[in-house]
Amino acid sequence: LTQAWGERAPLTLVDGAADACGPDGCAVPPRENTQ
């Protein structure tokens, strides 16, 4: 159990940063004044 737990591969992200929701919720950008 100890060996298998210690050798678990860490998660590798294949894309760069992008909008996401976190523990504090989702950040919603303000709408632009288009008119």
Full PDB file with SEQRES, HELIX, SHEET, SSBOND, CRYST1, ORIGX, SCALE, CONECT and MASTER records, all heavy atoms in Angstrom:
SEQRES   1 A   35  LEU THR GLN ALA TRP GLY GLU ARG ALA PRO LEU THR LEU          
SEQRES   2 A   35  VAL ASP GLY ALA ALA ASP ALA CYS GLY PRO ASP GLY CYS          
SEQRES   3 A   35  ALA VAL PRO PRO ARG GLU ASN THR GLN                          
HELIX    1 AA1 THR A    2  GLY A    6  1                                   5    
SSBOND   1 CYS A   21    CYS A   26                          1555   1555  1.74  
CRYST1    1.000    1.000    1.000  90.00  90.00  90.00 P 1           1          
ORIGX1      1.000000  0.000000  0.000000        0.00000                         
ORIGX2      0.000000  1.000000  0.000000        0.00000                         
ORIGX3      0.000000  0.000000  1.000000        0.00000                         
SCALE1      1.000000  0.000000  0.000000        0.00000                         
SCALE2      0.000000  1.000000  0.000000        0.00000                         
SCALE3      0.000000  0.000000  1.000000        0.00000                         
ATOM      1  N   LEU A   1       0.831  -1.200   0.000  1.00  0.00           N  
ATOM      2  CA  LEU A   1       0.000   0.000   0.000  1.00  0.00           C  
ATOM      3  C   LEU A   1       0.869   1.255   0.000  1.00  0.00           C  
ATOM      4  O   LEU A   1       0.610   2.215  -0.743  1.00  0.00           O  
ATOM      5  CB  LEU A   1      -0.922   0.009   1.223  1.00  0.00           C  
ATOM      6  CG  LEU A   1      -2.103  -0.973   1.201  1.00  0.00           C  
ATOM      7  CD1 LEU A   1      -2.712  -1.103   2.600  1.00  0.00           C  
ATOM      8  CD2 LEU A   1      -3.165  -0.527   0.208  1.00  0.00           C  
ATOM      9  N   THR A   2       1.901   1.240   0.831  1.00  0.00           N  
ATOM     10  CA  THR A   2       2.788   2.405   0.936  1.00  0.00           C  
ATOM     11  C   THR A   2       3.513   2.663  -0.378  1.00  0.00           C  
ATOM     12  O   THR A   2       3.611   3.802  -0.847  1.00  0.00           O  
ATOM     13  CB  THR A   2       3.806   2.192   2.067  1.00  0.00           C  
ATOM     14  OG1 THR A   2       3.096   1.998   3.302  1.00  0.00           O  
ATOM     15  CG2 THR A   2       4.728   3.389   2.206  1.00  0.00           C  
ATOM     16  N   GLN A   3       4.018   1.608  -1.001  1.00  0.00           N  
ATOM     17  CA  GLN A   3       4.744   1.761  -2.257  1.00  0.00           C  
ATOM     18  C   GLN A   3       3.814   2.243  -3.370  1.00  0.00           C  
ATOM     19  O   GLN A   3       4.148   3.164  -4.127  1.00  0.00           O  
ATOM     20  CB  GLN A   3       5.391   0.442  -2.664  1.00  0.00           C  
ATOM     21  CG  GLN A   3       6.216   0.544  -3.942  1.00  0.00           C  
ATOM     22  CD  GLN A   3       6.968  -0.739  -4.248  1.00  0.00           C  
ATOM     23  OE1 GLN A   3       6.907  -1.706  -3.482  1.00  0.00           O  
ATOM     24  NE2 GLN A   3       7.673  -0.770  -5.361  1.00  0.00           N  
ATOM     25  N   ALA A   4       2.650   1.614  -3.483  1.00  0.00           N  
ATOM     26  CA  ALA A   4       1.717   1.996  -4.544  1.00  0.00           C  
ATOM     27  C   ALA A   4       1.235   3.429  -4.368  1.00  0.00           C  
ATOM     28  O   ALA A   4       1.118   4.175  -5.344  1.00  0.00           O  
ATOM     29  CB  ALA A   4       0.528   1.033  -4.561  1.00  0.00           C  
ATOM     30  N   TRP A   5       0.974   3.827  -3.127  1.00  0.00           N  
ATOM     31  CA  TRP A   5       0.526   5.192  -2.877  1.00  0.00           C  
ATOM     32  C   TRP A   5       1.630   6.201  -3.224  1.00  0.00           C  
ATOM     33  O   TRP A   5       1.373   7.223  -3.843  1.00  0.00           O  
ATOM     34  CB  TRP A   5       0.102   5.349  -1.424  1.00  0.00           C  
ATOM     35  CG  TRP A   5      -0.482   6.705  -1.120  1.00  0.00           C  
ATOM     36  CD1 TRP A   5       0.176   7.838  -0.747  1.00  0.00           C  
ATOM     37  CD2 TRP A   5      -1.867   7.067  -1.202  1.00  0.00           C  
ATOM     38  NE1 TRP A   5      -0.695   8.881  -0.586  1.00  0.00           N  
ATOM     39  CE2 TRP A   5      -1.954   8.443  -0.859  1.00  0.00           C  
ATOM     40  CE3 TRP A   5      -3.025   6.365  -1.523  1.00  0.00           C  
ATOM     41  CZ2 TRP A   5      -3.176   9.116  -0.831  1.00  0.00           C  
ATOM     42  CZ3 TRP A   5      -4.240   7.042  -1.487  1.00  0.00           C  
ATOM     43  CH2 TRP A   5      -4.308   8.399  -1.151  1.00  0.00           C  
ATOM     44  N   GLY A   6       2.839   5.891  -2.838  1.00  0.00           N  
ATOM     45  CA  GLY A   6       3.948   6.816  -3.059  1.00  0.00           C  
ATOM     46  C   GLY A   6       4.339   6.960  -4.511  1.00  0.00           C  
ATOM     47  O   GLY A   6       4.922   7.973  -4.903  1.00  0.00           O  
ATOM     48  N   GLU A   7       4.015   5.960  -5.318  1.00  0.00           N  
ATOM     49  CA  GLU A   7       4.426   6.003  -6.715  1.00  0.00           C  
ATOM     50  C   GLU A   7       3.299   6.371  -7.664  1.00  0.00           C  
ATOM     51  O   GLU A   7       3.442   6.234  -8.887  1.00  0.00           O  
ATOM     52  CB  GLU A   7       5.024   4.653  -7.123  1.00  0.00           C  
ATOM     53  CG  GLU A   7       6.318   4.349  -6.384  1.00  0.00           C  
ATOM     54  CD  GLU A   7       6.975   3.068  -6.863  1.00  0.00           C  
ATOM     55  OE1 GLU A   7       6.537   2.527  -7.892  1.00  0.00           O  
ATOM     56  OE2 GLU A   7       7.922   2.608  -6.193  1.00  0.00           O  
ATOM     57  N   ARG A   8       2.199   6.863  -7.102  1.00  0.00           N  
ATOM     58  CA  ARG A   8       1.138   7.327  -7.985  1.00  0.00           C  
ATOM     59  C   ARG A   8       1.642   8.513  -8.804  1.00  0.00           C  
ATOM     60  O   ARG A   8       2.286   9.411  -8.273  1.00  0.00           O  
ATOM     61  CB  ARG A   8      -0.086   7.771  -7.172  1.00  0.00           C  
ATOM     62  CG  ARG A   8      -0.836   6.619  -6.514  1.00  0.00           C  
ATOM     63  CD  ARG A   8      -1.963   7.157  -5.652  1.00  0.00           C  
ATOM     64  NE  ARG A   8      -1.434   8.130  -4.698  1.00  0.00           N  
ATOM     65  CZ  ARG A   8      -2.055   9.249  -4.352  1.00  0.00           C  
ATOM     66  NH1 ARG A   8      -3.224   9.545  -4.873  1.00  0.00           N  
ATOM     67  NH2 ARG A   8      -1.517  10.070  -3.475  1.00  0.00           N  
ATOM     68  N   ALA A   9       1.362   8.509 -10.083  1.00  0.00           N  
ATOM     69  CA  ALA A   9       1.837   9.585 -10.963  1.00  0.00           C  
ATOM     70  C   ALA A   9       1.038  10.852 -10.701  1.00  0.00           C  
ATOM     71  O   ALA A   9      -0.186  10.809 -10.614  1.00  0.00           O  
ATOM     72  CB  ALA A   9       1.685   9.162 -12.415  1.00  0.00           C  
ATOM     73  N   PRO A  10       1.723  12.001 -10.574  1.00  0.00           N  
ATOM     74  CA  PRO A  10       0.995  13.253 -10.415  1.00  0.00           C  
ATOM     75  C   PRO A  10       0.255  13.605 -11.692  1.00  0.00           C  
ATOM     76  O   PRO A  10       0.637  13.182 -12.790  1.00  0.00           O  
ATOM     77  CB  PRO A  10       2.098  14.276 -10.114  1.00  0.00           C  
ATOM     78  CG  PRO A  10       3.312  13.693 -10.744  1.00  0.00           C  
ATOM     79  CD  PRO A  10       3.178  12.198 -10.599  1.00  0.00           C  
ATOM     80  N   LEU A  11      -0.806  14.369 -11.565  1.00  0.00           N  
ATOM     81  CA  LEU A  11      -1.598  14.773 -12.713  1.00  0.00           C  
ATOM     82  C   LEU A  11      -0.809  15.755 -13.577  1.00  0.00           C  
ATOM     83  O   LEU A  11      -0.227  16.713 -13.075  1.00  0.00           O  
ATOM     84  CB  LEU A  11      -2.900  15.435 -12.239  1.00  0.00           C  
ATOM     85  CG  LEU A  11      -3.919  15.812 -13.310  1.00  0.00           C  
ATOM     86  CD1 LEU A  11      -4.468  14.553 -13.962  1.00  0.00           C  
ATOM     87  CD2 LEU A  11      -5.046  16.628 -12.698  1.00  0.00           C  
ATOM     88  N   THR A  12      -0.788  15.503 -14.880  1.00  0.00           N  
ATOM     89  CA  THR A  12      -0.124  16.390 -15.821  1.00  0.00           C  
ATOM     90  C   THR A  12      -1.176  17.101 -16.669  1.00  0.00           C  
ATOM     91  O   THR A  12      -2.013  16.464 -17.311  1.00  0.00           O  
ATOM     92  CB  THR A  12       0.811  15.599 -16.757  1.00  0.00           C  
ATOM     93  OG1 THR A  12       1.792  14.922 -15.949  1.00  0.00           O  
ATOM     94  CG2 THR A  12       1.512  16.526 -17.742  1.00  0.00           C  
ATOM     95  N   LEU A  13      -1.158  18.436 -16.655  1.00  0.00           N  
ATOM     96  CA  LEU A  13      -2.096  19.205 -17.449  1.00  0.00           C  
ATOM     97  C   LEU A  13      -1.567  19.330 -18.866  1.00  0.00           C  
ATOM     98  O   LEU A  13      -0.401  19.667 -19.086  1.00  0.00           O  
ATOM     99  CB  LEU A  13      -2.289  20.595 -16.835  1.00  0.00           C  
ATOM    100  CG  LEU A  13      -2.929  20.623 -15.434  1.00  0.00           C  
ATOM    101  CD1 LEU A  13      -2.988  22.055 -14.918  1.00  0.00           C  
ATOM    102  CD2 LEU A  13      -4.325  20.019 -15.466  1.00  0.00           C  
ATOM    103  N   VAL A  14      -2.424  19.079 -19.841  1.00  0.00           N  
ATOM    104  CA  VAL A  14      -1.988  19.111 -21.231  1.00  0.00           C  
ATOM    105  C   VAL A  14      -2.264  20.458 -21.887  1.00  0.00           C  
ATOM    106  O   VAL A  14      -1.761  20.734 -22.967  1.00  0.00           O  
ATOM    107  CB  VAL A  14      -2.672  17.993 -22.053  1.00  0.00           C  
ATOM    108  CG1 VAL A  14      -2.259  16.640 -21.528  1.00  0.00           C  
ATOM    109  CG2 VAL A  14      -4.195  18.131 -22.016  1.00  0.00           C  
ATOM    110  N   ASP A  15      -3.076  21.318 -21.262  1.00  0.00           N  
ATOM    111  CA  ASP A  15      -3.359  22.638 -21.804  1.00  0.00           C  
ATOM    112  C   ASP A  15      -2.884  23.707 -20.841  1.00  0.00           C  
ATOM    113  O   ASP A  15      -2.680  23.449 -19.650  1.00  0.00           O  
ATOM    114  CB  ASP A  15      -4.860  22.824 -22.062  1.00  0.00           C  
ATOM    115  CG  ASP A  15      -5.358  21.944 -23.192  1.00  0.00           C  
ATOM    116  OD1 ASP A  15      -4.630  21.821 -24.190  1.00  0.00           O  
ATOM    117  OD2 ASP A  15      -6.442  21.375 -23.045  1.00  0.00           O  
ATOM    118  N   GLY A  16      -2.743  24.926 -21.346  1.00  0.00           N  
ATOM    119  CA  GLY A  16      -2.362  26.029 -20.487  1.00  0.00           C  
ATOM    120  C   GLY A  16      -3.515  26.502 -19.642  1.00  0.00           C  
ATOM    121  O   GLY A  16      -4.589  25.898 -19.603  1.00  0.00           O  
ATOM    122  N   ALA A  17      -3.290  27.616 -18.948  1.00  0.00           N  
ATOM    123  CA  ALA A  17      -4.316  28.148 -18.065  1.00  0.00           C  
ATOM    124  C   ALA A  17      -5.541  28.561 -18.855  1.00  0.00           C  
ATOM    125  O   ALA A  17      -5.464  29.028 -19.991  1.00  0.00           O  
ATOM    126  CB  ALA A  17      -3.761  29.349 -17.289  1.00  0.00           C  
ATOM    127  N   ALA A  18      -6.713  28.389 -18.264  1.00  0.00           N  
ATOM    128  CA  ALA A  18      -7.975  28.785 -18.878  1.00  0.00           C  
ATOM    129  C   ALA A  18      -8.949  29.118 -17.765  1.00  0.00           C  
ATOM    130  O   ALA A  18      -8.697  28.826 -16.594  1.00  0.00           O  
ATOM    131  CB  ALA A  18      -8.522  27.675 -19.766  1.00  0.00           C  
ATOM    132  N   ASP A  19     -10.052  29.749 -18.136  1.00  0.00           N  
ATOM    133  CA  ASP A  19     -11.049  30.088 -17.126  1.00  0.00           C  
ATOM    134  C   ASP A  19     -11.545  28.822 -16.438  1.00  0.00           C  
ATOM    135  O   ASP A  19     -11.777  27.794 -17.078  1.00  0.00           O  
ATOM    136  CB  ASP A  19     -12.235  30.810 -17.771  1.00  0.00           C  
ATOM    137  CG  ASP A  19     -11.833  32.173 -18.312  1.00  0.00           C  
ATOM    138  OD1 ASP A  19     -10.844  32.728 -17.813  1.00  0.00           O  
ATOM    139  OD2 ASP A  19     -12.505  32.662 -19.239  1.00  0.00           O  
ATOM    140  N   ALA A  20     -11.688  28.881 -15.121  1.00  0.00           N  
ATOM    141  CA  ALA A  20     -12.158  27.730 -14.359  1.00  0.00           C  
ATOM    142  C   ALA A  20     -12.816  28.203 -13.077  1.00  0.00           C  
ATOM    143  O   ALA A  20     -12.632  29.344 -12.659  1.00  0.00           O  
ATOM    144  CB  ALA A  20     -10.991  26.790 -14.038  1.00  0.00           C  
ATOM    145  N   CYS A  21     -13.578  27.314 -12.466  1.00  0.00           N  
ATOM    146  CA  CYS A  21     -14.209  27.610 -11.179  1.00  0.00           C  
ATOM    147  C   CYS A  21     -13.365  27.020 -10.072  1.00  0.00           C  
ATOM    148  O   CYS A  21     -12.819  25.921 -10.208  1.00  0.00           O  
ATOM    149  CB  CYS A  21     -15.612  27.016 -11.124  1.00  0.00           C  
ATOM    150  SG  CYS A  21     -16.730  27.701 -12.361  1.00  0.00           S  
ATOM    151  N   GLY A  22     -13.248  27.746  -8.955  1.00  0.00           N  
ATOM    152  CA  GLY A  22     -12.468  27.279  -7.828  1.00  0.00           C  
ATOM    153  C   GLY A  22     -13.300  27.175  -6.571  1.00  0.00           C  
ATOM    154  O   GLY A  22     -14.529  27.296  -6.611  1.00  0.00           O  
ATOM    155  N   PRO A  23     -12.653  26.952  -5.419  1.00  0.00           N  
ATOM    156  CA  PRO A  23     -13.371  26.811  -4.153  1.00  0.00           C  
ATOM    157  C   PRO A  23     -14.229  28.020  -3.805  1.00  0.00           C  
ATOM    158  O   PRO A  23     -15.236  27.905  -3.101  1.00  0.00           O  
ATOM    159  CB  PRO A  23     -12.247  26.614  -3.125  1.00  0.00           C  
ATOM    160  CG  PRO A  23     -11.069  26.178  -3.915  1.00  0.00           C  
ATOM    161  CD  PRO A  23     -11.207  26.815  -5.253  1.00  0.00           C  
ATOM    162  N   ASP A  24     -13.822  29.194  -4.288  1.00  0.00           N  
ATOM    163  CA  ASP A  24     -14.569  30.415  -3.973  1.00  0.00           C  
ATOM    164  C   ASP A  24     -15.597  30.760  -5.039  1.00  0.00           C  
ATOM    165  O   ASP A  24     -16.170  31.846  -5.037  1.00  0.00           O  
ATOM    166  CB  ASP A  24     -13.595  31.591  -3.812  1.00  0.00           C  
ATOM    167  CG  ASP A  24     -12.628  31.348  -2.654  1.00  0.00           C  
ATOM    168  OD1 ASP A  24     -13.077  30.778  -1.642  1.00  0.00           O  
ATOM    169  OD2 ASP A  24     -11.447  31.704  -2.792  1.00  0.00           O  
ATOM    170  N   GLY A  25     -15.834  29.856  -5.954  1.00  0.00           N  
ATOM    171  CA  GLY A  25     -16.829  30.109  -6.981  1.00  0.00           C  
ATOM    172  C   GLY A  25     -16.203  30.430  -8.316  1.00  0.00           C  
ATOM    173  O   GLY A  25     -15.019  30.184  -8.547  1.00  0.00           O  
ATOM    174  N   CYS A  26     -17.005  30.975  -9.219  1.00  0.00           N  
ATOM    175  CA  CYS A  26     -16.550  31.291 -10.566  1.00  0.00           C  
ATOM    176  C   CYS A  26     -16.469  32.803 -10.737  1.00  0.00           C  
ATOM    177  O   CYS A  26     -17.419  33.519 -10.416  1.00  0.00           O  
ATOM    178  CB  CYS A  26     -17.508  30.721 -11.608  1.00  0.00           C  
ATOM    179  SG  CYS A  26     -17.651  28.925 -11.529  1.00  0.00           S  
ATOM    180  N   ALA A  27     -15.350  33.266 -11.242  1.00  0.00           N  
ATOM    181  CA  ALA A  27     -15.194  34.699 -11.512  1.00  0.00           C  
ATOM    182  C   ALA A  27     -15.882  35.024 -12.823  1.00  0.00           C  
ATOM    183  O   ALA A  27     -15.572  34.440 -13.862  1.00  0.00           O  
ATOM    184  CB  ALA A  27     -13.718  35.061 -11.573  1.00  0.00           C  
ATOM    185  N   VAL A  28     -16.846  35.933 -12.770  1.00  0.00           N  
ATOM    186  CA  VAL A  28     -17.584  36.306 -13.972  1.00  0.00           C  
ATOM    187  C   VAL A  28     -17.136  37.686 -14.401  1.00  0.00           C  
ATOM    188  O   VAL A  28     -17.322  38.661 -13.651  1.00  0.00           O  
ATOM    189  CB  VAL A  28     -19.101  36.308 -13.711  1.00  0.00           C  
ATOM    190  CG1 VAL A  28     -19.848  36.687 -14.986  1.00  0.00           C  
ATOM    191  CG2 VAL A  28     -19.541  34.943 -13.205  1.00  0.00           C  
ATOM    192  N   PRO A  29     -16.488  37.849 -15.559  1.00  0.00           N  
ATOM    193  CA  PRO A  29     -16.021  39.171 -16.001  1.00  0.00           C  
ATOM    194  C   PRO A  29     -17.199  40.075 -16.301  1.00  0.00           C  
ATOM    195  O   PRO A  29     -18.254  39.597 -16.743  1.00  0.00           O  
ATOM    196  CB  PRO A  29     -15.211  38.860 -17.257  1.00  0.00           C  
ATOM    197  CG  PRO A  29     -15.794  37.577 -17.763  1.00  0.00           C  
ATOM    198  CD  PRO A  29     -16.209  36.805 -16.549  1.00  0.00           C  
ATOM    199  N   PRO A  30     -17.034  41.391 -16.029  1.00  0.00           N  
ATOM    200  CA  PRO A  30     -18.126  42.321 -16.338  1.00  0.00           C  
ATOM    201  C   PRO A  30     -18.339  42.417 -17.832  1.00  0.00           C  
ATOM    202  O   PRO A  30     -17.412  42.280 -18.626  1.00  0.00           O  
ATOM    203  CB  PRO A  30     -17.637  43.642 -15.748  1.00  0.00           C  
ATOM    204  CG  PRO A  30     -16.156  43.524 -15.753  1.00  0.00           C  
ATOM    205  CD  PRO A  30     -15.851  42.081 -15.482  1.00  0.00           C  
ATOM    206  N   ARG A  31     -19.602  42.631 -18.227  1.00  0.00           N  
ATOM    207  CA  ARG A  31     -19.895  42.810 -19.645  1.00  0.00           C  
ATOM    208  C   ARG A  31     -19.404  44.170 -20.111  1.00  0.00           C  
ATOM    209  O   ARG A  31     -19.483  45.144 -19.382  1.00  0.00           O  
ATOM    210  CB  ARG A  31     -21.402  42.706 -19.882  1.00  0.00           C  
ATOM    211  CG  ARG A  31     -21.982  41.313 -19.676  1.00  0.00           C  
ATOM    212  CD  ARG A  31     -23.473  41.318 -19.910  1.00  0.00           C  
ATOM    213  NE  ARG A  31     -24.140  42.198 -18.922  1.00  0.00           N  
ATOM    214  CZ  ARG A  31     -25.409  42.594 -19.036  1.00  0.00           C  
ATOM    215  NH1 ARG A  31     -26.102  42.253 -20.102  1.00  0.00           N  
ATOM    216  NH2 ARG A  31     -25.942  43.347 -18.103  1.00  0.00           N  
ATOM    217  N   GLU A  32     -18.906  44.189 -21.340  1.00  0.00           N  
ATOM    218  CA  GLU A  32     -18.463  45.468 -21.904  1.00  0.00           C  
ATOM    219  C   GLU A  32     -19.671  46.307 -22.306  1.00  0.00           C  
ATOM    220  O   GLU A  32     -20.708  45.773 -22.698  1.00  0.00           O  
ATOM    221  CB  GLU A  32     -17.580  45.222 -23.125  1.00  0.00           C  
ATOM    222  CG  GLU A  32     -16.255  44.556 -22.801  1.00  0.00           C  
ATOM    223  CD  GLU A  32     -15.403  44.402 -24.031  1.00  0.00           C  
ATOM    224  OE1 GLU A  32     -15.845  44.870 -25.115  1.00  0.00           O  
ATOM    225  OE2 GLU A  32     -14.319  43.812 -23.917  1.00  0.00           O  
ATOM    226  N   ASN A  33     -19.499  47.647 -22.192  1.00  0.00           N  
ATOM    227  CA  ASN A  33     -20.573  48.556 -22.599  1.00  0.00           C  
ATOM    228  C   ASN A  33     -20.508  48.715 -24.109  1.00  0.00           C  
ATOM    229  O   ASN A  33     -19.693  49.468 -24.648  1.00  0.00           O  
ATOM    230  CB  ASN A  33     -20.385  49.924 -21.909  1.00  0.00           C  
ATOM    231  CG  ASN A  33     -21.547  50.849 -22.202  1.00  0.00           C  
ATOM    232  OD1 ASN A  33     -22.440  50.509 -22.960  1.00  0.00           O  
ATOM    233  ND2 ASN A  33     -21.497  52.024 -21.582  1.00  0.00           N  
ATOM    234  N   THR A  34     -21.320  47.946 -24.806  1.00  0.00           N  
ATOM    235  CA  THR A  34     -21.276  47.960 -26.276  1.00  0.00           C  
ATOM    236  C   THR A  34     -22.242  48.931 -26.903  1.00  0.00           C  
ATOM    237  O   THR A  34     -22.267  49.110 -28.114  1.00  0.00           O  
ATOM    238  CB  THR A  34     -21.582  46.532 -26.808  1.00  0.00           C  
ATOM    239  OG1 THR A  34     -22.865  46.150 -26.344  1.00  0.00           O  
ATOM    240  CG2 THR A  34     -20.548  45.555 -26.318  1.00  0.00           C  
ATOM    241  N   GLN A  35     -23.022  49.609 -26.087  1.00  0.00           N  
ATOM    242  CA  GLN A  35     -24.016  50.552 -26.634  1.00  0.00           C  
ATOM    243  C   GLN A  35     -24.156  51.708 -25.687  1.00  0.00           C  
ATOM    244  O   GLN A  35     -24.231  51.503 -24.467  1.00  0.00           O  
ATOM    245  CB  GLN A  35     -25.360  49.831 -26.833  1.00  0.00           C  
ATOM    246  CG  GLN A  35     -26.450  50.719 -27.407  1.00  0.00           C  
ATOM    247  CD  GLN A  35     -27.741  49.948 -27.625  1.00  0.00           C  
ATOM    248  OE1 GLN A  35     -27.704  48.756 -27.792  1.00  0.00           O  
ATOM    249  NE2 GLN A  35     -28.838  50.646 -27.596  1.00  0.00           N  
TER     250      GLN A  35                                                      
CONECT  150  179                                                                
CONECT  179  150                                                                
MASTER        0    0    0    1    0    0    0    6  249    1    2    3          
END                                                                             
